[in-house]
Every structure is written in structure tokens, then in C-alpha cells.
């Protein structure tokens, strides 16, 4: 005979297993992280030609 405690434990374990499997599928859609061959920093961006316009908030 199946006790209430055994039923709850079995259903909990089943829910955890389903969540773990669906979590792997979701993790597969995450894009791969960018990697570099060297540890150097990126060159600075070239300045935009034209006048520099700044807005001062008052």
C-alpha cells in the first residue's frame, strides 16, 4: 500500500527531475561567452568627428 508520505516524496522527486531536465534545455539556448586569445585590452574607440555637445542639467 502506498502511504501519503511515500506519494508526496515520489511526486516531489519527479517534479525535481522534470525541472532539472527542462533547465538543461533552457541553458542550451544561452549564447556562448566571448573569449580572447590575449589578455590585452581593447583599443579605444575613435572619436566621433564634429563638435562636442554637452548638456548641463540645472
N, C-alpha and C. Protein backbone atom coordinates (compact mmCIF):
# COMPACT_ATOMS: atom_id res chain seq x y z
N UNK A 1 0.84 -1.18 0.00
CA UNK A 1 0.00 0.00 0.00
C UNK A 1 0.88 1.25 0.00
N UNK A 2 0.48 2.23 -0.73
CA UNK A 2 1.25 3.46 -0.88
C UNK A 2 0.79 4.46 0.19
N UNK A 3 1.71 4.87 1.03
CA UNK A 3 1.36 5.83 2.08
C UNK A 3 1.39 7.24 1.51
N UNK A 4 0.79 8.12 2.23
CA UNK A 4 0.76 9.52 1.81
C UNK A 4 2.18 10.09 1.74
N UNK A 5 3.01 9.75 2.71
CA UNK A 5 4.39 10.25 2.74
C UNK A 5 5.18 9.74 1.53
N UNK A 6 5.02 8.48 1.19
CA UNK A 6 5.71 7.93 0.03
C UNK A 6 5.24 8.59 -1.26
N UNK A 7 3.92 8.85 -1.34
CA UNK A 7 3.38 9.51 -2.52
C UNK A 7 3.94 10.92 -2.68
N UNK A 8 3.99 11.67 -1.58
CA UNK A 8 4.50 13.04 -1.63
C UNK A 8 5.98 13.04 -2.00
N UNK A 9 6.75 12.12 -1.41
CA UNK A 9 8.17 12.03 -1.74
C UNK A 9 8.38 11.70 -3.21
N UNK A 10 7.62 10.76 -3.72
CA UNK A 10 7.76 10.36 -5.12
C UNK A 10 7.38 11.49 -6.06
N UNK A 11 6.31 12.19 -5.75
CA UNK A 11 5.89 13.29 -6.62
C UNK A 11 6.88 14.45 -6.55
N UNK A 12 7.46 14.69 -5.39
CA UNK A 12 8.47 15.75 -5.26
C UNK A 12 9.71 15.41 -6.08
N UNK A 13 10.16 14.17 -5.97
CA UNK A 13 11.34 13.75 -6.72
C UNK A 13 11.07 13.81 -8.23
N UNK A 14 9.87 13.47 -8.63
CA UNK A 14 9.51 13.53 -10.04
C UNK A 14 9.53 14.98 -10.54
N UNK A 15 9.00 15.89 -9.75
CA UNK A 15 8.97 17.30 -10.13
C UNK A 15 10.39 17.86 -10.22
N UNK A 16 11.27 17.46 -9.31
CA UNK A 16 12.65 17.92 -9.33
C UNK A 16 13.36 17.40 -10.58
N UNK A 17 13.12 16.15 -10.94
CA UNK A 17 13.75 15.57 -12.12
C UNK A 17 13.28 16.28 -13.39
N UNK A 18 12.01 16.58 -13.48
CA UNK A 18 11.47 17.28 -14.65
C UNK A 18 12.06 18.68 -14.74
N UNK A 19 12.18 19.37 -13.60
CA UNK A 19 12.75 20.72 -13.60
C UNK A 19 14.21 20.69 -14.02
N UNK A 20 14.96 19.68 -13.61
CA UNK A 20 16.37 19.58 -13.98
C UNK A 20 16.52 19.35 -15.47
N UNK A 21 15.66 18.52 -16.05
CA UNK A 21 15.74 18.24 -17.48
C UNK A 21 15.36 19.48 -18.28
N UNK A 22 14.29 20.17 -17.89
CA UNK A 22 13.88 21.36 -18.64
C UNK A 22 14.88 22.49 -18.44
N UNK A 23 15.57 22.54 -17.30
CA UNK A 23 16.60 23.55 -17.07
C UNK A 23 17.77 23.38 -18.01
N UNK A 24 18.13 22.13 -18.32
CA UNK A 24 19.23 21.88 -19.26
C UNK A 24 18.86 22.39 -20.65
N UNK A 25 17.62 22.21 -21.03
CA UNK A 25 17.18 22.68 -22.34
C UNK A 25 17.22 24.20 -22.42
N UNK A 26 16.85 24.86 -21.35
CA UNK A 26 16.90 26.31 -21.33
C UNK A 26 18.34 26.80 -21.34
N UNK A 27 19.22 26.10 -20.65
CA UNK A 27 20.62 26.50 -20.61
C UNK A 27 21.28 26.34 -21.97
N UNK A 28 20.78 25.44 -22.79
CA UNK A 28 21.35 25.24 -24.12
C UNK A 28 21.11 26.44 -25.02
N UNK A 29 20.11 27.25 -24.72
CA UNK A 29 19.82 28.41 -25.56
C UNK A 29 20.64 29.64 -25.17
N UNK A 30 21.43 29.57 -24.10
CA UNK A 30 22.26 30.69 -23.69
C UNK A 30 23.45 30.78 -24.64
N UNK A 31 23.74 31.98 -25.17
CA UNK A 31 24.86 32.07 -26.11
C UNK A 31 26.20 31.85 -25.41
N UNK A 32 27.17 31.41 -26.17
CA UNK A 32 28.49 31.15 -25.62
C UNK A 32 29.20 32.47 -25.31
N UNK A 33 29.97 32.49 -24.24
CA UNK A 33 30.67 33.69 -23.82
C UNK A 33 31.79 34.03 -24.80
N UNK A 34 32.03 35.32 -24.98
CA UNK A 34 33.11 35.76 -25.85
C UNK A 34 34.46 35.45 -25.22
N UNK A 35 35.40 34.99 -26.01
CA UNK A 35 36.73 34.67 -25.50
C UNK A 35 37.77 35.41 -26.32
N UNK A 36 38.96 35.57 -25.74
CA UNK A 36 40.07 36.25 -26.41
C UNK A 36 41.31 35.39 -26.34
N UNK A 37 42.21 35.54 -27.31
CA UNK A 37 43.47 34.81 -27.29
C UNK A 37 44.50 35.49 -26.40
N UNK A 38 44.40 36.80 -26.25
CA UNK A 38 45.33 37.56 -25.44
C UNK A 38 44.58 38.26 -24.32
N UNK A 39 45.32 38.61 -23.28
CA UNK A 39 44.70 39.28 -22.13
C UNK A 39 44.73 40.79 -22.26
N UNK A 40 45.23 41.31 -23.38
CA UNK A 40 45.30 42.76 -23.58
C UNK A 40 43.92 43.38 -23.66
N UNK A 41 43.86 44.68 -23.47
CA UNK A 41 42.58 45.37 -23.53
C UNK A 41 42.27 45.78 -24.95
N UNK A 42 41.01 46.11 -25.17
CA UNK A 42 40.58 46.53 -26.49
C UNK A 42 41.07 47.94 -26.77
N UNK A 43 41.39 48.24 -28.02
CA UNK A 43 41.82 49.58 -28.40
C UNK A 43 40.67 50.55 -28.16
N UNK A 44 40.97 51.79 -27.78
CA UNK A 44 39.90 52.76 -27.55
C UNK A 44 39.16 53.08 -28.85
N UNK A 45 37.90 53.43 -28.73
CA UNK A 45 37.10 53.79 -29.89
C UNK A 45 37.57 55.12 -30.45
N UNK A 46 37.51 55.27 -31.76
CA UNK A 46 37.89 56.53 -32.40
C UNK A 46 36.84 57.58 -32.06
N UNK A 47 37.27 58.83 -31.83
CA UNK A 47 36.30 59.87 -31.51
C UNK A 47 35.40 60.17 -32.71
N UNK A 48 34.18 60.57 -32.42
CA UNK A 48 33.22 60.92 -33.46
C UNK A 48 33.56 62.32 -33.96
N UNK A 49 33.70 62.50 -35.27
CA UNK A 49 34.03 63.84 -35.78
C UNK A 49 32.88 64.81 -35.57
N UNK A 50 33.22 66.05 -35.37
CA UNK A 50 32.21 67.08 -35.18
C UNK A 50 32.34 67.72 -33.82
N UNK A 51 31.53 68.73 -33.56
CA UNK A 51 31.63 69.44 -32.28
C UNK A 51 31.15 68.57 -31.12
N UNK A 52 31.75 68.80 -29.97
CA UNK A 52 31.34 68.08 -28.76
C UNK A 52 30.23 68.88 -28.10
N UNK A 53 29.09 68.25 -27.95
CA UNK A 53 27.93 68.92 -27.37
C UNK A 53 27.63 68.26 -26.04
N UNK A 54 27.62 69.04 -24.98
CA UNK A 54 27.27 68.52 -23.67
C UNK A 54 26.05 69.25 -23.15
N UNK A 55 25.24 68.55 -22.42
CA UNK A 55 24.03 69.15 -21.84
C UNK A 55 24.24 69.21 -20.33
N UNK A 56 24.15 70.40 -19.79
CA UNK A 56 24.27 70.58 -18.35
C UNK A 56 22.88 70.63 -17.75
N UNK A 57 22.65 69.81 -16.76
CA UNK A 57 21.34 69.82 -16.11
C UNK A 57 21.37 70.81 -14.96
N UNK A 58 20.34 71.59 -14.86
CA UNK A 58 20.25 72.59 -13.78
C UNK A 58 19.06 72.35 -12.93
